[in-house]
PDB file of N, CA and C in Angstrom:
ATOM      1  N   MET A   1       0.848  -1.175   0.000  1.00  0.00           N
ATOM      2  CA  MET A   1       0.000   0.000   0.000  1.00  0.00           C
ATOM      3  C   MET A   1       0.890   1.233   0.000  1.00  0.00           C
ATOM      4  N   VAL A   2       0.506   2.227  -0.807  1.00  0.00           N
ATOM      5  CA  VAL A   2       1.264   3.473  -0.897  1.00  0.00           C
ATOM      6  C   VAL A   2       0.439   4.582  -0.252  1.00  0.00           C
ATOM      7  N   MET A   3       1.047   5.296   0.638  1.00  0.00           N
ATOM      8  CA  MET A   3       0.385   6.424   1.287  1.00  0.00           C
ATOM      9  C   MET A   3       0.778   7.705   0.560  1.00  0.00           C
ATOM     10  N   VAL A   4      -0.186   8.534   0.259  1.00  0.00           N
ATOM     11  CA  VAL A   4       0.065   9.798  -0.436  1.00  0.00           C
ATOM     12  C   VAL A   4      -0.310  10.940   0.492  1.00  0.00           C
ATOM     13  N   LYS A   5       0.571  11.884   0.622  1.00  0.00           N
ATOM     14  CA  LYS A   5       0.279  13.056   1.441  1.00  0.00           C
ATOM     15  C   LYS A   5      -0.584  14.020   0.631  1.00  0.00           C
ATOM     16  N   ALA A   6      -1.421  14.784   1.313  1.00  0.00           N
ATOM     17  CA  ALA A   6      -2.311  15.743   0.650  1.00  0.00           C
ATOM     18  C   ALA A   6      -1.532  16.786  -0.137  1.00  0.00           C
ATOM     19  N   THR A   7      -0.322  17.065   0.254  1.00  0.00           N
ATOM     20  CA  THR A   7       0.471  18.072  -0.458  1.00  0.00           C
ATOM     21  C   THR A   7       0.955  17.549  -1.804  1.00  0.00           C
ATOM     22  N   GLN A   8       0.897  16.257  -2.035  1.00  0.00           N
ATOM     23  CA  GLN A   8       1.353  15.685  -3.295  1.00  0.00           C
ATOM     24  C   GLN A   8       0.223  15.548  -4.314  1.00  0.00           C
ATOM     25  N   VAL A   9      -1.005  15.802  -3.917  1.00  0.00           N
ATOM     26  CA  VAL A   9      -2.139  15.646  -4.813  1.00  0.00           C
ATOM     27  C   VAL A   9      -2.367  16.943  -5.572  1.00  0.00           C
ATOM     28  N   GLU A  10      -2.521  16.817  -6.878  1.00  0.00           N
ATOM     29  CA  GLU A  10      -2.808  17.987  -7.701  1.00  0.00           C
ATOM     30  C   GLU A  10      -4.298  17.975  -8.043  1.00  0.00           C
ATOM     31  N   TYR A  11      -5.017  18.993  -7.606  1.00  0.00           N
ATOM     32  CA  TYR A  11      -6.441  19.094  -7.878  1.00  0.00           C
ATOM     33  C   TYR A  11      -6.657  19.788  -9.213  1.00  0.00           C
ATOM     34  N   ILE A  12      -7.524  19.230 -10.021  1.00  0.00           N
ATOM     35  CA  ILE A  12      -7.785  19.767 -11.354  1.00  0.00           C
ATOM     36  C   ILE A  12      -9.260  20.128 -11.471  1.00  0.00           C
ATOM     37  N   GLY A  13      -9.553  21.313 -12.027  1.00  0.00           N
ATOM     38  CA  GLY A  13     -10.921  21.672 -12.350  1.00  0.00           C
ATOM     39  C   GLY A  13     -11.711  22.396 -11.279  1.00  0.00           C
ATOM     40  N   PHE A  14     -11.114  22.757 -10.174  1.00  0.00           N
ATOM     41  CA  PHE A  14     -11.863  23.419  -9.123  1.00  0.00           C
ATOM     42  C   PHE A  14     -11.708  24.934  -9.133  1.00  0.00           C
ATOM     43  N   SER A  15     -10.752  25.443  -9.856  1.00  0.00           N
ATOM     44  CA  SER A  15     -10.569  26.897  -9.880  1.00  0.00           C
ATOM     45  C   SER A  15     -10.433  27.387 -11.320  1.00  0.00           C
ATOM     46  N   GLY A  16     -11.306  26.888 -12.181  1.00  0.00           N
ATOM     47  CA  GLY A  16     -11.276  27.256 -13.589  1.00  0.00           C
ATOM     48  C   GLY A  16     -12.117  28.477 -13.868  1.00  0.00           C
ATOM     49  N   SER A  17     -12.494  28.620 -15.114  1.00  0.00           N
ATOM     50  CA  SER A  17     -13.306  29.752 -15.547  1.00  0.00           C
ATOM     51  C   SER A  17     -14.688  29.708 -14.895  1.00  0.00           C
ATOM     52  N   GLU A  18     -15.260  30.873 -14.719  1.00  0.00           N
ATOM     53  CA  GLU A  18     -16.604  30.969 -14.170  1.00  0.00           C
ATOM     54  C   GLU A  18     -17.629  30.646 -15.257  1.00  0.00           C
ATOM     55  N   THR A  19     -18.703  29.989 -14.879  1.00  0.00           N
ATOM     56  CA  THR A  19     -19.769  29.672 -15.812  1.00  0.00           C
ATOM     57  C   THR A  19     -20.469  30.949 -16.250  1.00  0.00           C
ATOM     58  N   ALA A  20     -20.653  31.124 -17.553  1.00  0.00           N
ATOM     59  CA  ALA A  20     -21.333  32.308 -18.071  1.00  0.00           C
ATOM     60  C   ALA A  20     -22.785  32.013 -18.432  1.00  0.00           C
ATOM     61  N   HIS A  21     -23.062  30.777 -18.906  1.00  0.00           N
ATOM     62  CA  HIS A  21     -24.404  30.410 -19.353  1.00  0.00           C
ATOM     63  C   HIS A  21     -24.679  28.948 -19.025  1.00  0.00           C
ATOM     64  N   VAL A  22     -25.945  28.656 -18.775  1.00  0.00           N
ATOM     65  CA  VAL A  22     -26.391  27.274 -18.591  1.00  0.00           C
ATOM     66  C   VAL A  22     -27.584  27.066 -19.516  1.00  0.00           C
ATOM     67  N   ILE A  23     -27.530  26.015 -20.323  1.00  0.00           N
ATOM     68  CA  ILE A  23     -28.662  25.660 -21.179  1.00  0.00           C
ATOM     69  C   ILE A  23     -29.413  24.521 -20.491  1.00  0.00           C
ATOM     70  N   ILE A  24     -30.693  24.744 -20.234  1.00  0.00           N
ATOM     71  CA  ILE A  24     -31.555  23.712 -19.657  1.00  0.00           C
ATOM     72  C   ILE A  24     -32.355  23.112 -20.815  1.00  0.00           C
ATOM     73  N   TRP A  25     -32.160  21.832 -21.059  1.00  0.00           N
ATOM     74  CA  TRP A  25     -32.847  21.148 -22.159  1.00  0.00           C
ATOM     75  C   TRP A  25     -34.152  20.554 -21.648  1.00  0.00           C
ATOM     76  N   LYS A  26     -35.249  20.740 -22.419  1.00  0.00           N
ATOM     77  CA  LYS A  26     -36.575  20.286 -22.013  1.00  0.00           C
ATOM     78  C   LYS A  26     -37.118  19.266 -23.010  1.00  0.00           C
ATOM     79  N   LEU A  27     -37.765  18.241 -22.480  1.00  0.00           N
ATOM     80  CA  LEU A  27     -38.421  17.226 -23.300  1.00  0.00           C
ATOM     81  C   LEU A  27     -39.711  16.836 -22.602  1.00  0.00           C
ATOM     82  N   LEU A  28     -40.834  16.951 -23.315  1.00  0.00           N
ATOM     83  CA  LEU A  28     -42.160  16.655 -22.756  1.00  0.00           C
ATOM     84  C   LEU A  28     -42.407  17.456 -21.475  1.00  0.00           C
ATOM     85  N   ASP A  29     -42.089  18.746 -21.529  1.00  0.00           N
ATOM     86  CA  ASP A  29     -42.291  19.681 -20.415  1.00  0.00           C
ATOM     87  C   ASP A  29     -41.494  19.337 -19.161  1.00  0.00           C
ATOM     88  N   LYS A  30     -40.454  18.524 -19.296  1.00  0.00           N
ATOM     89  CA  LYS A  30     -39.577  18.221 -18.159  1.00  0.00           C
ATOM     90  C   LYS A  30     -38.171  18.697 -18.470  1.00  0.00           C
ATOM     91  N   LYS A  31     -37.516  19.229 -17.461  1.00  0.00           N
ATOM     92  CA  LYS A  31     -36.117  19.626 -17.593  1.00  0.00           C
ATOM     93  C   LYS A  31     -35.270  18.374 -17.401  1.00  0.00           C
ATOM     94  N   ILE A  32     -34.620  17.919 -18.475  1.00  0.00           N
ATOM     95  CA  ILE A  32     -33.957  16.617 -18.388  1.00  0.00           C
ATOM     96  C   ILE A  32     -32.437  16.673 -18.456  1.00  0.00           C
ATOM     97  N   ALA A  33     -31.868  17.794 -18.870  1.00  0.00           N
ATOM     98  CA  ALA A  33     -30.404  17.870 -18.981  1.00  0.00           C
ATOM     99  C   ALA A  33     -29.968  19.320 -18.928  1.00  0.00           C
ATOM    100  N   LYS A  34     -28.678  19.516 -18.673  1.00  0.00           N
ATOM    101  CA  LYS A  34     -28.141  20.877 -18.725  1.00  0.00           C
ATOM    102  C   LYS A  34     -26.760  20.845 -19.359  1.00  0.00           C
ATOM    103  N   THR A  35     -26.407  21.959 -19.974  1.00  0.00           N
ATOM    104  CA  THR A  35     -25.094  22.136 -20.578  1.00  0.00           C
ATOM    105  C   THR A  35     -24.500  23.416 -20.015  1.00  0.00           C
ATOM    106  N   ILE A  36     -23.271  23.340 -19.555  1.00  0.00           N
ATOM    107  CA  ILE A  36     -22.562  24.492 -19.012  1.00  0.00           C
ATOM    108  C   ILE A  36     -21.739  25.119 -20.126  1.00  0.00           C
ATOM    109  N   CYS A  37     -21.861  26.428 -20.317  1.00  0.00           N
ATOM    110  CA  CYS A  37     -21.106  27.141 -21.347  1.00  0.00           C
ATOM    111  C   CYS A  37     -20.355  28.309 -20.709  1.00  0.00           C
ATOM    112  N   TYR A  38     -19.215  28.621 -21.294  1.00  0.00           N
ATOM    113  CA  TYR A  38     -18.372  29.682 -20.752  1.00  0.00           C
ATOM    114  C   TYR A  38     -18.345  30.929 -21.622  1.00  0.00           C
ATOM    115  N   THR A  39     -18.854  30.847 -22.868  1.00  0.00           N
ATOM    116  CA  THR A  39     -18.913  32.005 -23.761  1.00  0.00           C
ATOM    117  C   THR A  39     -20.229  31.974 -24.537  1.00  0.00           C
ATOM    118  N   ALA A  40     -20.606  33.121 -25.098  1.00  0.00           N
ATOM    119  CA  ALA A  40     -21.810  33.192 -25.920  1.00  0.00           C
ATOM    120  C   ALA A  40     -21.643  32.366 -27.194  1.00  0.00           C
ATOM    121  N   GLU A  41     -20.429  32.312 -27.715  1.00  0.00           N
ATOM    122  CA  GLU A  41     -20.162  31.517 -28.916  1.00  0.00           C
ATOM    123  C   GLU A  41     -20.384  30.028 -28.641  1.00  0.00           C
ATOM    124  N   GLU A  42     -20.011  29.606 -27.459  1.00  0.00           N
ATOM    125  CA  GLU A  42     -20.210  28.213 -27.070  1.00  0.00           C
ATOM    126  C   GLU A  42     -21.702  27.886 -26.949  1.00  0.00           C
ATOM    127  N   VAL A  43     -22.492  28.832 -26.478  1.00  0.00           N
ATOM    128  CA  VAL A  43     -23.948  28.634 -26.400  1.00  0.00           C
ATOM    129  C   VAL A  43     -24.509  28.410 -27.797  1.00  0.00           C
ATOM    130  N   GLU A  44     -24.134  29.266 -28.744  1.00  0.00           N
ATOM    131  CA  GLU A  44     -24.614  29.127 -30.119  1.00  0.00           C
ATOM    132  C   GLU A  44     -24.208  27.782 -30.718  1.00  0.00           C
ATOM    133  N   GLU A  45     -22.992  27.363 -30.458  1.00  0.00           N
ATOM    134  CA  GLU A  45     -22.502  26.083 -30.962  1.00  0.00           C
ATOM    135  C   GLU A  45     -23.308  24.916 -30.400  1.00  0.00           C
ATOM    136  N   GLN A  46     -23.564  24.944 -29.107  1.00  0.00           N
ATOM    137  CA  GLN A  46     -24.310  23.863 -28.464  1.00  0.00           C
ATOM    138  C   GLN A  46     -25.764  23.828 -28.933  1.00  0.00           C
ATOM    139  N   LEU A  47     -26.362  24.996 -29.141  1.00  0.00           N
ATOM    140  CA  LEU A  47     -27.729  25.039 -29.638  1.00  0.00           C
ATOM    141  C   LEU A  47     -27.813  24.429 -31.039  1.00  0.00           C
ATOM    142  N   LYS A  48     -26.847  24.752 -31.896  1.00  0.00           N
ATOM    143  CA  LYS A  48     -26.833  24.179 -33.246  1.00  0.00           C
ATOM    144  C   LYS A  48     -26.656  22.661 -33.207  1.00  0.00           C
ATOM    145  N   LEU A  49     -25.849  22.179 -32.280  1.00  0.00           N
ATOM    146  CA  LEU A  49     -25.574  20.750 -32.207  1.00  0.00           C
ATOM    147  C   LEU A  49     -26.717  19.931 -31.596  1.00  0.00           C
ATOM    148  N   HIS A  50     -27.425  20.493 -30.606  1.00  0.00           N
ATOM    149  CA  HIS A  50     -28.325  19.673 -29.797  1.00  0.00           C
ATOM    150  C   HIS A  50     -29.793  20.075 -29.783  1.00  0.00           C
ATOM    151  N   ALA A  51     -30.145  21.244 -30.276  1.00  0.00           N
ATOM    152  CA  ALA A  51     -31.525  21.724 -30.147  1.00  0.00           C
ATOM    153  C   ALA A  51     -32.535  20.800 -30.820  1.00  0.00           C
ATOM    154  N   TRP A  52     -32.156  20.121 -31.879  1.00  0.00           N
ATOM    155  CA  TRP A  52     -33.082  19.247 -32.599  1.00  0.00           C
ATOM    156  C   TRP A  52     -33.506  18.027 -31.771  1.00  0.00           C
ATOM    157  N   LYS A  53     -32.757  17.693 -30.733  1.00  0.00           N
ATOM    158  CA  LYS A  53     -33.035  16.503 -29.927  1.00  0.00           C
ATOM    159  C   LYS A  53     -34.131  16.727 -28.885  1.00  0.00           C
ATOM    160  N   PHE A  54     -34.449  17.981 -28.610  1.00  0.00           N
ATOM    161  CA  PHE A  54     -35.334  18.316 -27.497  1.00  0.00           C
ATOM    162  C   PHE A  54     -36.528  19.131 -27.972  1.00  0.00           C
ATOM    163  N   ASP A  55     -37.569  19.192 -27.133  1.00  0.00           N
ATOM    164  CA  ASP A  55     -38.754  19.999 -27.436  1.00  0.00           C
ATOM    165  C   ASP A  55     -38.491  21.484 -27.243  1.00  0.00           C
ATOM    166  N   GLY A  56     -37.575  21.813 -26.368  1.00  0.00           N
ATOM    167  CA  GLY A  56     -37.279  23.208 -26.089  1.00  0.00           C
ATOM    168  C   GLY A  56     -36.052  23.340 -25.206  1.00  0.00           C
ATOM    169  N   TYR A  57     -35.696  24.569 -24.912  1.00  0.00           N
ATOM    170  CA  TYR A  57     -34.552  24.831 -24.051  1.00  0.00           C
ATOM    171  C   TYR A  57     -34.707  26.199 -23.407  1.00  0.00           C
ATOM    172  N   GLU A  58     -33.940  26.427 -22.372  1.00  0.00           N
ATOM    173  CA  GLU A  58     -33.913  27.701 -21.666  1.00  0.00           C
ATOM    174  C   GLU A  58     -32.446  28.034 -21.409  1.00  0.00           C
ATOM    175  N   VAL A  59     -32.043  29.255 -21.755  1.00  0.00           N
ATOM    176  CA  VAL A  59     -30.660  29.671 -21.535  1.00  0.00           C
ATOM    177  C   VAL A  59     -30.625  30.638 -20.361  1.00  0.00           C
ATOM    178  N   LEU A  60     -29.867  30.278 -19.341  1.00  0.00           N
ATOM    179  CA  LEU A  60     -29.669  31.149 -18.182  1.00  0.00           C
ATOM    180  C   LEU A  60     -28.298  31.777 -18.294  1.00  0.00           C
ATOM    181  N   SER A  61     -28.216  33.082 -18.094  1.00  0.00           N
ATOM    182  CA  SER A  61     -26.912  33.738 -18.096  1.00  0.00           C
ATOM    183  C   SER A  61     -26.474  34.012 -16.679  1.00  0.00           C
ATOM    184  N   ASP A  62     -25.237  34.430 -16.504  1.00  0.00           N
ATOM    185  CA  ASP A  62     -24.687  34.605 -15.164  1.00  0.00           C
ATOM    186  C   ASP A  62     -25.448  35.656 -14.355  1.00  0.00           C
ATOM    187  N   GLU A  63     -26.189  36.546 -15.000  1.00  0.00           N
ATOM    188  CA  GLU A  63     -27.000  37.518 -14.259  1.00  0.00           C
ATOM    189  C   GLU A  63     -28.212  36.854 -13.610  1.00  0.00           C
ATOM    190  N   ASN A  64     -28.637  35.689 -14.141  1.00  0.00           N
ATOM    191  CA  ASN A  64     -29.847  35.026 -13.653  1.00  0.00           C
ATOM    192  C   ASN A  64     -29.564  33.909 -12.644  1.00  0.00           C
ATOM    193  N   PHE A  65     -28.325  33.639 -12.327  1.00  0.00           N
ATOM    194  CA  PHE A  65     -28.002  32.538 -11.395  1.00  0.00           C
ATOM    195  C   PHE A  65     -28.399  32.898  -9.987  1.00  0.00           C
TER     196      PHE A  65
END
């Protein structure tokens, strides 16, 4: 067994960019999934890729969190 000290562990992903937008995907009037986006361009890209799969969506921006 190998013991690792907490000082040797590198944490990844906890102090990254702040979320700018969240897309809530809806199907049959239920909120079933969400996508986290960091730029407006990323929101447009995700909508083009995934909007056809769902009945609707709601985009929340960082002002609405």
